[in-house]
Amino acid sequence: MASRHDPKTVEEDIVEAHPGSHLDDEKLPASTVADRWRGTAADKRDMAVLGLAWEILPVISVYALQDGGTAIIFWGLIAGIIGMSFVYASLAEMASMFPTAGGQYHWVSELAAPTWQKPLSYFVGWLTAMGWQVYLAGICFMVGSVLQGLIVLNNLDTYV
């Protein structure tokens, strides 16, 4: 019996888990991408394991790569992590003082001056609801952009 670390066993597991994906070049559909850019068999095996999650990175980092390169991506991630940790700490502090299922609009109502409690709470509630909708629209746009990029990449001659 083969061990779990045997490469043949891993490839068989991948093919069983992803029946539509094939690891050898003869079974892959024709592509307009040059062979030297298509990757090795190890790359194809890794992509079959990882799926398509890596394809979101160019959509996220295209502007950072154009404007500042990899250094801006690295330091931007560091600055984002540090900055968001302050936001998380303040939200955790408010959640410990005022535990509620209401969220931010309830905290605004509790912490604002009495004359501003109702209008600010109402504004924050609507701002949160609009934020959810914009977030969903952004995700849909990003998925459409990735799909369009994949279509262009694989069908350069037939894509209009």
N, C-alpha and C. Protein backbone atom coordinates (compact mmCIF):
# COMPACT_ATOMS: atom_id res chain seq x y z
N MET A 1 0.84 -1.19 0.00
CA MET A 1 0.00 0.00 0.00
C MET A 1 0.88 1.24 0.00
N ALA A 2 0.52 2.25 -0.78
CA ALA A 2 1.32 3.48 -0.89
C ALA A 2 1.08 4.36 0.32
N SER A 3 2.11 5.10 0.68
CA SER A 3 1.97 6.01 1.82
C SER A 3 1.21 7.25 1.38
N ARG A 4 0.75 8.04 2.34
CA ARG A 4 -0.01 9.26 2.03
C ARG A 4 0.86 10.32 1.36
N HIS A 5 2.18 10.23 1.50
CA HIS A 5 3.07 11.23 0.92
C HIS A 5 3.58 10.84 -0.46
N ASP A 6 3.15 9.72 -0.98
CA ASP A 6 3.56 9.28 -2.30
C ASP A 6 2.94 10.22 -3.34
N PRO A 7 3.74 10.79 -4.28
CA PRO A 7 3.19 11.74 -5.25
C PRO A 7 2.06 11.15 -6.10
N LYS A 8 2.16 9.88 -6.44
CA LYS A 8 1.11 9.28 -7.24
C LYS A 8 -0.20 9.25 -6.46
N THR A 9 -0.13 8.97 -5.18
CA THR A 9 -1.33 8.95 -4.35
C THR A 9 -1.93 10.34 -4.25
N VAL A 10 -1.10 11.37 -4.11
CA VAL A 10 -1.59 12.74 -4.02
C VAL A 10 -2.30 13.12 -5.32
N GLU A 11 -1.70 12.80 -6.47
CA GLU A 11 -2.33 13.11 -7.75
C GLU A 11 -3.66 12.39 -7.91
N GLU A 12 -3.70 11.13 -7.51
CA GLU A 12 -4.95 10.39 -7.59
C GLU A 12 -6.00 11.02 -6.69
N ASP A 13 -5.62 11.48 -5.49
CA ASP A 13 -6.56 12.14 -4.60
C ASP A 13 -7.09 13.42 -5.22
N ILE A 14 -6.22 14.17 -5.90
CA ILE A 14 -6.64 15.43 -6.52
C ILE A 14 -7.64 15.14 -7.64
N VAL A 15 -7.34 14.16 -8.48
CA VAL A 15 -8.25 13.82 -9.58
C VAL A 15 -9.58 13.33 -9.04
N GLU A 16 -9.56 12.57 -7.95
CA GLU A 16 -10.81 12.11 -7.36
C GLU A 16 -11.60 13.28 -6.77
N ALA A 17 -10.91 14.22 -6.13
CA ALA A 17 -11.59 15.36 -5.51
C ALA A 17 -12.08 16.34 -6.56
N HIS A 18 -11.35 16.48 -7.68
CA HIS A 18 -11.70 17.42 -8.74
C HIS A 18 -11.76 16.64 -10.06
N PRO A 19 -12.87 15.98 -10.34
CA PRO A 19 -12.92 15.13 -11.53
C PRO A 19 -12.79 15.90 -12.83
N GLY A 20 -13.10 17.20 -12.85
CA GLY A 20 -12.98 17.97 -14.08
C GLY A 20 -11.58 18.47 -14.36
N SER A 21 -10.70 18.41 -13.36
CA SER A 21 -9.35 18.91 -13.56
C SER A 21 -8.42 17.75 -13.90
N HIS A 22 -7.57 17.95 -14.89
CA HIS A 22 -6.63 16.93 -15.31
C HIS A 22 -5.22 17.46 -15.16
N LEU A 23 -4.29 16.60 -14.82
CA LEU A 23 -2.95 17.04 -14.52
C LEU A 23 -1.97 16.89 -15.68
N ASP A 24 -2.33 16.21 -16.73
CA ASP A 24 -1.39 16.08 -17.84
C ASP A 24 -1.84 16.96 -19.01
N ASP A 25 -0.86 17.39 -19.82
CA ASP A 25 -1.12 18.37 -20.88
C ASP A 25 -2.05 17.86 -21.97
N GLU A 26 -2.08 16.56 -22.23
CA GLU A 26 -2.91 16.05 -23.32
C GLU A 26 -4.39 16.27 -23.05
N LYS A 27 -4.79 16.28 -21.81
CA LYS A 27 -6.20 16.39 -21.48
C LYS A 27 -6.65 17.83 -21.26
N LEU A 28 -5.72 18.78 -21.20
CA LEU A 28 -6.09 20.17 -20.97
C LEU A 28 -6.67 20.75 -22.25
N PRO A 29 -7.64 21.67 -22.14
CA PRO A 29 -8.18 22.30 -23.34
C PRO A 29 -7.13 23.20 -23.98
N ALA A 30 -7.31 23.44 -25.28
CA ALA A 30 -6.38 24.30 -26.00
C ALA A 30 -6.44 25.70 -25.41
N SER A 31 -5.28 26.32 -25.29
CA SER A 31 -5.21 27.65 -24.69
C SER A 31 -4.33 28.53 -25.55
N THR A 32 -4.56 29.83 -25.48
CA THR A 32 -3.73 30.77 -26.21
C THR A 32 -2.51 31.19 -25.41
N VAL A 33 -2.37 30.72 -24.20
CA VAL A 33 -1.22 31.05 -23.36
C VAL A 33 -0.04 30.20 -23.82
N ALA A 34 1.11 30.84 -23.99
CA ALA A 34 2.31 30.12 -24.43
C ALA A 34 2.69 29.04 -23.43
N ASP A 35 3.26 27.95 -23.93
CA ASP A 35 3.62 26.82 -23.08
C ASP A 35 4.58 27.21 -21.96
N ARG A 36 5.49 28.12 -22.24
CA ARG A 36 6.46 28.49 -21.20
C ARG A 36 5.82 29.21 -20.04
N TRP A 37 4.61 29.77 -20.21
CA TRP A 37 3.92 30.46 -19.13
C TRP A 37 2.85 29.60 -18.48
N ARG A 38 2.66 28.38 -18.92
CA ARG A 38 1.59 27.54 -18.40
C ARG A 38 1.97 26.80 -17.13
N GLY A 39 3.24 26.75 -16.79
CA GLY A 39 3.68 26.13 -15.54
C GLY A 39 4.05 24.67 -15.70
N THR A 40 4.66 24.15 -14.67
CA THR A 40 5.10 22.76 -14.66
C THR A 40 3.98 21.87 -14.15
N ALA A 41 4.23 20.57 -14.16
CA ALA A 41 3.24 19.63 -13.63
C ALA A 41 3.02 19.87 -12.14
N ALA A 42 4.09 20.26 -11.43
CA ALA A 42 3.94 20.56 -10.00
C ALA A 42 3.05 21.79 -9.79
N ASP A 43 3.21 22.80 -10.67
CA ASP A 43 2.36 23.98 -10.58
C ASP A 43 0.90 23.62 -10.81
N LYS A 44 0.65 22.79 -11.80
CA LYS A 44 -0.73 22.39 -12.10
C LYS A 44 -1.33 21.60 -10.95
N ARG A 45 -0.52 20.75 -10.34
CA ARG A 45 -1.00 19.97 -9.19
C ARG A 45 -1.32 20.92 -8.02
N ASP A 46 -0.46 21.90 -7.79
CA ASP A 46 -0.71 22.85 -6.71
C ASP A 46 -1.97 23.66 -6.97
N MET A 47 -2.18 24.09 -8.20
CA MET A 47 -3.37 24.86 -8.53
C MET A 47 -4.63 24.01 -8.41
N ALA A 48 -4.53 22.72 -8.71
CA ALA A 48 -5.69 21.85 -8.54
C ALA A 48 -6.04 21.71 -7.07
N VAL A 49 -5.03 21.73 -6.21
CA VAL A 49 -5.28 21.65 -4.77
C VAL A 49 -5.83 22.97 -4.25
N LEU A 50 -5.24 24.09 -4.67
CA LEU A 50 -5.62 25.40 -4.14
C LEU A 50 -6.93 25.91 -4.74
N GLY A 51 -7.27 25.49 -5.91
CA GLY A 51 -8.47 26.01 -6.55
C GLY A 51 -8.19 27.34 -7.20
N LEU A 52 -9.18 28.21 -7.24
CA LEU A 52 -9.05 29.48 -7.95
C LEU A 52 -8.90 30.67 -7.01
N ALA A 53 -8.62 30.46 -5.73
CA ALA A 53 -8.55 31.57 -4.77
C ALA A 53 -7.42 32.53 -5.09
N TRP A 54 -6.35 32.06 -5.70
CA TRP A 54 -5.21 32.93 -6.00
C TRP A 54 -5.54 33.96 -7.07
N GLU A 55 -6.57 33.76 -7.85
CA GLU A 55 -6.87 34.67 -8.95
C GLU A 55 -7.43 36.00 -8.50
N ILE A 56 -7.81 36.12 -7.26
CA ILE A 56 -8.33 37.39 -6.76
C ILE A 56 -7.20 38.39 -6.50
N LEU A 57 -5.98 37.91 -6.30
CA LEU A 57 -4.87 38.81 -5.96
C LEU A 57 -4.59 39.87 -7.02
N PRO A 58 -4.59 39.57 -8.32
CA PRO A 58 -4.35 40.64 -9.28
C PRO A 58 -5.42 41.72 -9.26
N VAL A 59 -6.65 41.35 -8.97
CA VAL A 59 -7.73 42.34 -8.91
C VAL A 59 -7.49 43.29 -7.74
N ILE A 60 -7.05 42.75 -6.63
CA ILE A 60 -6.83 43.56 -5.44
C ILE A 60 -5.58 44.42 -5.57
N SER A 61 -4.52 43.87 -6.11
CA SER A 61 -3.23 44.54 -6.05
C SER A 61 -2.81 45.24 -7.34
N VAL A 62 -3.69 45.36 -8.34
CA VAL A 62 -3.27 45.92 -9.62
C VAL A 62 -2.85 47.38 -9.47
N TYR A 63 -3.57 48.18 -8.71
CA TYR A 63 -3.22 49.59 -8.57
C TYR A 63 -1.98 49.77 -7.71
N ALA A 64 -1.84 48.96 -6.68
CA ALA A 64 -0.65 49.05 -5.83
C ALA A 64 0.60 48.67 -6.62
N LEU A 65 0.50 47.66 -7.47
CA LEU A 65 1.66 47.27 -8.27
C LEU A 65 2.02 48.34 -9.30
N GLN A 66 1.03 49.02 -9.85
CA GLN A 66 1.30 50.07 -10.83
C GLN A 66 1.90 51.30 -10.16
N ASP A 67 1.43 51.63 -8.97
CA ASP A 67 1.84 52.88 -8.34
C ASP A 67 3.07 52.77 -7.44
N GLY A 68 3.27 51.62 -6.79
CA GLY A 68 4.37 51.56 -5.86
C GLY A 68 5.14 50.27 -5.86
N GLY A 69 4.65 49.27 -6.54
CA GLY A 69 5.35 48.00 -6.60
C GLY A 69 5.10 47.14 -5.37
N THR A 70 5.95 46.15 -5.23
CA THR A 70 5.76 45.19 -4.13
C THR A 70 6.02 45.80 -2.77
N ALA A 71 6.85 46.83 -2.70
CA ALA A 71 7.12 47.47 -1.40
C ALA A 71 5.86 48.10 -0.84
N ILE A 72 5.06 48.74 -1.69
CA ILE A 72 3.83 49.37 -1.20
C ILE A 72 2.82 48.33 -0.76
N ILE A 73 2.81 47.18 -1.41
CA ILE A 73 1.92 46.11 -0.97
C ILE A 73 2.33 45.61 0.40
N PHE A 74 3.63 45.37 0.59
CA PHE A 74 4.11 44.88 1.88
C PHE A 74 3.83 45.88 2.99
N TRP A 75 4.28 47.13 2.83
CA TRP A 75 4.10 48.11 3.89
C TRP A 75 2.64 48.51 4.03
N GLY A 76 1.88 48.45 2.96
CA GLY A 76 0.45 48.72 3.06
C GLY A 76 -0.27 47.68 3.91
N LEU A 77 0.11 46.42 3.73
CA LEU A 77 -0.47 45.37 4.57
C LEU A 77 -0.09 45.55 6.03
N ILE A 78 1.16 45.90 6.29
CA ILE A 78 1.61 46.13 7.67
C ILE A 78 0.84 47.30 8.28
N ALA A 79 0.73 48.42 7.55
CA ALA A 79 0.01 49.59 8.06
C ALA A 79 -1.47 49.27 8.25
N GLY A 80 -2.05 48.51 7.33
CA GLY A 80 -3.46 48.13 7.47
C GLY A 80 -3.71 47.26 8.68
N ILE A 81 -2.82 46.32 8.93
CA ILE A 81 -2.97 45.45 10.10
C ILE A 81 -2.87 46.26 11.38
N ILE A 82 -1.89 47.15 11.45
CA ILE A 82 -1.72 47.97 12.66
C ILE A 82 -2.92 48.91 12.84
N GLY A 83 -3.33 49.58 11.76
CA GLY A 83 -4.46 50.50 11.85
C GLY A 83 -5.76 49.81 12.22
N MET A 84 -6.02 48.67 11.61
CA MET A 84 -7.28 47.97 11.91
C MET A 84 -7.26 47.36 13.31
N SER A 85 -6.07 47.08 13.85
CA SER A 85 -6.04 46.55 15.22
C SER A 85 -6.57 47.59 16.20
N PHE A 86 -6.37 48.89 15.94
CA PHE A 86 -6.96 49.93 16.79
C PHE A 86 -8.48 49.94 16.67
N VAL A 87 -8.98 49.76 15.46
CA VAL A 87 -10.44 49.70 15.26
C VAL A 87 -11.02 48.49 16.00
N TYR A 88 -10.37 47.33 15.86
CA TYR A 88 -10.85 46.14 16.54
C TYR A 88 -10.80 46.29 18.05
N ALA A 89 -9.75 46.94 18.55
CA ALA A 89 -9.64 47.14 19.99
C ALA A 89 -10.75 48.04 20.50
N SER A 90 -11.07 49.11 19.77
CA SER A 90 -12.15 50.00 20.22
C SER A 90 -13.51 49.31 20.12
N LEU A 91 -13.73 48.52 19.06
CA LEU A 91 -15.00 47.78 18.98
C LEU A 91 -15.11 46.75 20.09
N ALA A 92 -13.99 46.10 20.42
CA ALA A 92 -14.02 45.12 21.52
C ALA A 92 -14.31 45.81 22.85
N GLU A 93 -13.76 46.99 23.05
CA GLU A 93 -14.00 47.73 24.28
C GLU A 93 -15.48 48.13 24.39
N MET A 94 -16.04 48.63 23.29
CA MET A 94 -17.46 49.00 23.32
C MET A 94 -18.35 47.78 23.50
N ALA A 95 -17.99 46.67 22.88
CA ALA A 95 -18.79 45.45 23.03
C ALA A 95 -18.73 44.92 24.45
N SER A 96 -17.60 45.12 25.14
CA SER A 96 -17.53 44.66 26.52
C SER A 96 -18.31 45.58 27.45
N MET A 97 -18.39 46.88 27.13
CA MET A 97 -19.14 47.82 27.97
C MET A 97 -20.64 47.73 27.71
N PHE A 98 -21.02 47.60 26.43
CA PHE A 98 -22.43 47.58 26.04
C PHE A 98 -22.70 46.37 25.16
N PRO A 99 -22.80 45.17 25.74
CA PRO A 99 -23.08 44.01 24.90
C PRO A 99 -24.50 44.09 24.34
N THR A 100 -24.60 44.04 23.02
CA THR A 100 -25.89 44.15 22.36
C THR A 100 -25.85 43.46 21.01
N ALA A 101 -27.00 43.08 20.53
CA ALA A 101 -27.09 42.52 19.19
C ALA A 101 -27.27 43.63 18.16
N GLY A 102 -27.50 44.86 18.62
CA GLY A 102 -27.76 45.98 17.71
C GLY A 102 -26.55 46.44 16.94
N GLY A 103 -25.39 46.37 17.53
CA GLY A 103 -24.19 46.79 16.83
C GLY A 103 -23.92 48.28 16.96
N GLN A 104 -23.34 48.85 15.89
CA GLN A 104 -22.84 50.22 15.95
C GLN A 104 -23.92 51.25 16.21
N TYR A 105 -25.11 51.09 15.63
CA TYR A 105 -26.13 52.11 15.83
C TYR A 105 -26.59 52.15 17.28
N HIS A 106 -26.57 51.01 17.96
CA HIS A 106 -26.93 51.00 19.38
C HIS A 106 -25.83 51.66 20.21
N TRP A 107 -24.58 51.43 19.86
CA TRP A 107 -23.48 52.06 20.60
C TRP A 107 -23.50 53.57 20.40
N VAL A 108 -23.83 54.03 19.19
CA VAL A 108 -23.93 55.48 18.95
C VAL A 108 -25.05 56.05 19.80
N SER A 109 -26.15 55.35 19.88
CA SER A 109 -27.26 55.81 20.70
C SER A 109 -26.89 55.89 22.17
N GLU A 110 -26.10 54.95 22.65
CA GLU A 110 -25.69 54.95 24.05
C GLU A 110 -24.63 56.01 24.35
N LEU A 111 -23.73 56.26 23.44
CA LEU A 111 -22.57 57.10 23.72
C LEU A 111 -22.72 58.55 23.25
N ALA A 112 -23.70 58.87 22.43
CA ALA A 112 -23.87 60.23 21.92
C ALA A 112 -24.59 61.09 22.95
N ALA A 113 -24.49 62.40 22.74
CA ALA A 113 -25.23 63.34 23.59
C ALA A 113 -26.72 63.12 23.40
N PRO A 114 -27.52 63.37 24.43
CA PRO A 114 -28.96 63.07 24.35
C PRO A 114 -29.67 63.74 23.17
N THR A 115 -29.26 64.94 22.78
CA THR A 115 -29.93 65.60 21.65
C THR A 115 -29.56 64.96 20.30
N TRP A 116 -28.46 64.28 20.23
CA TRP A 116 -27.99 63.70 18.98
C TRP A 116 -28.20 62.19 18.91
N GLN A 117 -28.72 61.57 19.95
CA GLN A 117 -28.83 60.11 19.98
C GLN A 117 -29.68 59.56 18.83
N LYS A 118 -30.89 60.08 18.66
CA LYS A 118 -31.78 59.54 17.62
C LYS A 118 -31.26 59.81 16.20
N PRO A 119 -30.90 61.05 15.84
CA PRO A 119 -30.45 61.25 14.45
C PRO A 119 -29.16 60.51 14.12
N LEU A 120 -28.21 60.51 15.05
CA LEU A 120 -26.95 59.81 14.77
C LEU A 120 -27.15 58.30 14.71
N SER A 121 -27.98 57.77 15.58
CA SER A 121 -28.26 56.33 15.56
C SER A 121 -28.94 55.94 14.25
N TYR A 122 -29.89 56.75 13.81
CA TYR A 122 -30.58 56.50 12.54
C TYR A 122 -29.60 56.55 11.37
N PHE A 123 -28.72 57.57 11.37
CA PHE A 123 -27.74 57.72 10.30
C PHE A 123 -26.76 56.54 10.27
N VAL A 124 -26.27 56.13 11.41
CA VAL A 124 -25.32 55.01 11.46
C VAL A 124 -25.99 53.70 11.05
N GLY A 125 -27.25 53.50 11.43
CA GLY A 125 -27.97 52.30 11.00
C GLY A 125 -28.10 52.23 9.49
N TRP A 126 -28.48 53.36 8.85
CA TRP A 126 -28.58 53.38 7.40
C TRP A 126 -27.22 53.28 6.73
N LEU A 127 -26.21 53.89 7.33
CA LEU A 127 -24.87 53.79 6.78
C LEU A 127 -24.37 52.35 6.80
N THR A 128 -24.68 51.63 7.86
CA THR A 128 -24.30 50.22 7.94
C THR A 128 -25.03 49.40 6.89
N ALA A 129 -26.32 49.62 6.74
CA ALA A 129 -27.09 48.88 5.74
C ALA A 129 -26.60 49.17 4.32
N MET A 130 -26.30 50.43 4.04
CA MET A 130 -25.76 50.77 2.72
C MET A 130 -24.37 50.17 2.52
N GLY A 131 -23.59 50.12 3.58
CA GLY A 131 -22.26 49.50 3.49
C GLY A 131 -22.35 48.04 3.12
N TRP A 132 -23.31 47.32 3.68
CA TRP A 132 -23.49 45.91 3.32
C TRP A 132 -23.83 45.77 1.84
N GLN A 133 -24.71 46.65 1.34
CA GLN A 133 -25.11 46.56 -0.06
C GLN A 133 -23.96 46.92 -1.00
N VAL A 134 -23.19 47.94 -0.66
CA VAL A 134 -22.04 48.31 -1.48
C VAL A 134 -20.99 47.21 -1.47
N TYR A 135 -20.80 46.60 -0.31
CA TYR A 135 -19.86 45.48 -0.21
C TYR A 135 -20.27 44.34 -1.14
N LEU A 136 -21.56 43.99 -1.14
CA LEU A 136 -22.05 42.92 -2.00
C LEU A 136 -21.89 43.29 -3.48
N ALA A 137 -22.20 44.54 -3.83
CA ALA A 137 -22.02 44.97 -5.22
C ALA A 137 -20.55 44.92 -5.62
N GLY A 138 -19.65 45.29 -4.72
CA GLY A 138 -18.23 45.24 -5.01
C GLY A 138 -17.74 43.82 -5.23
N ILE A 139 -18.23 42.89 -4.44
CA ILE A 139 -17.87 41.48 -4.62
C ILE A 139 -18.37 40.97 -5.97
N CYS A 140 -19.59 41.32 -6.32
CA CYS A 140 -20.13 40.89 -7.62
C CYS A 140 -19.31 41.48 -8.77
N PHE A 141 -18.91 42.75 -8.66
CA PHE A 141 -18.08 43.37 -9.70
C PHE A 141 -16.72 42.69 -9.79
N MET A 142 -16.14 42.36 -8.65
CA MET A 142 -14.83 41.72 -8.64
C MET A 142 -14.90 40.33 -9.27
N VAL A 143 -15.93 39.57 -8.96
CA VAL A 143 -16.09 38.24 -9.55
C VAL A 143 -16.27 38.37 -11.06
N GLY A 144 -17.07 39.34 -11.51
CA GLY A 144 -17.25 39.56 -12.94
C GLY A 144 -15.95 39.94 -13.62
N SER A 145 -15.13 40.76 -12.97
CA SER A 145 -13.84 41.15 -13.54
C SER A 145 -12.90 39.96 -13.67
N VAL A 146 -12.88 39.10 -12.67
CA VAL A 146 -12.04 37.90 -12.73
C VAL A 146 -12.51 36.98 -13.85
N LEU A 147 -13.81 36.77 -13.95
CA LEU A 147 -14.34 35.92 -15.02
C LEU A 147 -14.04 36.50 -16.40
N GLN A 148 -14.19 37.80 -16.54
CA GLN A 148 -13.89 38.43 -17.82
C GLN A 148 -12.41 38.28 -18.15
N GLY A 149 -11.54 38.45 -17.17
CA GLY A 149 -10.11 38.27 -17.40
C GLY A 149 -9.77 36.85 -17.81
N LEU A 150 -10.43 35.87 -17.20
CA LEU A 150 -10.19 34.47 -17.57
C LEU A 150 -10.66 34.19 -18.99
N ILE A 151 -11.78 34.78 -19.37
CA ILE A 151 -12.28 34.59 -20.74
C ILE A 151 -11.30 35.19 -21.74
N VAL A 152 -10.82 36.39 -21.48
CA VAL A 152 -9.87 37.03 -22.38
C VAL A 152 -8.57 36.23 -22.44
N LEU A 153 -8.10 35.74 -21.30
CA LEU A 153 -6.85 35.02 -21.25
C LEU A 153 -6.92 33.73 -22.06
N ASN A 154 -8.03 33.04 -22.01
CA ASN A 154 -8.13 31.74 -22.68
C ASN A 154 -8.73 31.80 -24.08
N ASN A 155 -9.30 32.92 -24.49
CA ASN A 155 -9.92 33.04 -25.81
C ASN A 155 -9.53 34.35 -26.48
N LEU A 156 -8.26 34.59 -26.67
CA LEU A 156 -7.83 35.85 -27.26
C LEU A 156 -8.34 36.04 -28.68
N ASP A 157 -8.43 34.97 -29.44
CA ASP A 157 -8.82 35.10 -30.84
C ASP A 157 -10.34 35.24 -31.03
N THR A 158 -11.14 34.74 -30.11
CA THR A 158 -12.60 34.79 -30.29
C THR A 158 -13.26 35.81 -29.39
N TYR A 159 -12.56 36.39 -28.45
CA TYR A 159 -13.18 37.36 -27.54
C TYR A 159 -13.31 38.71 -28.23
N VAL A 160 -14.47 39.32 -28.13
CA VAL A 160 -14.71 40.63 -28.77
C VAL A 160 -14.76 41.69 -27.71
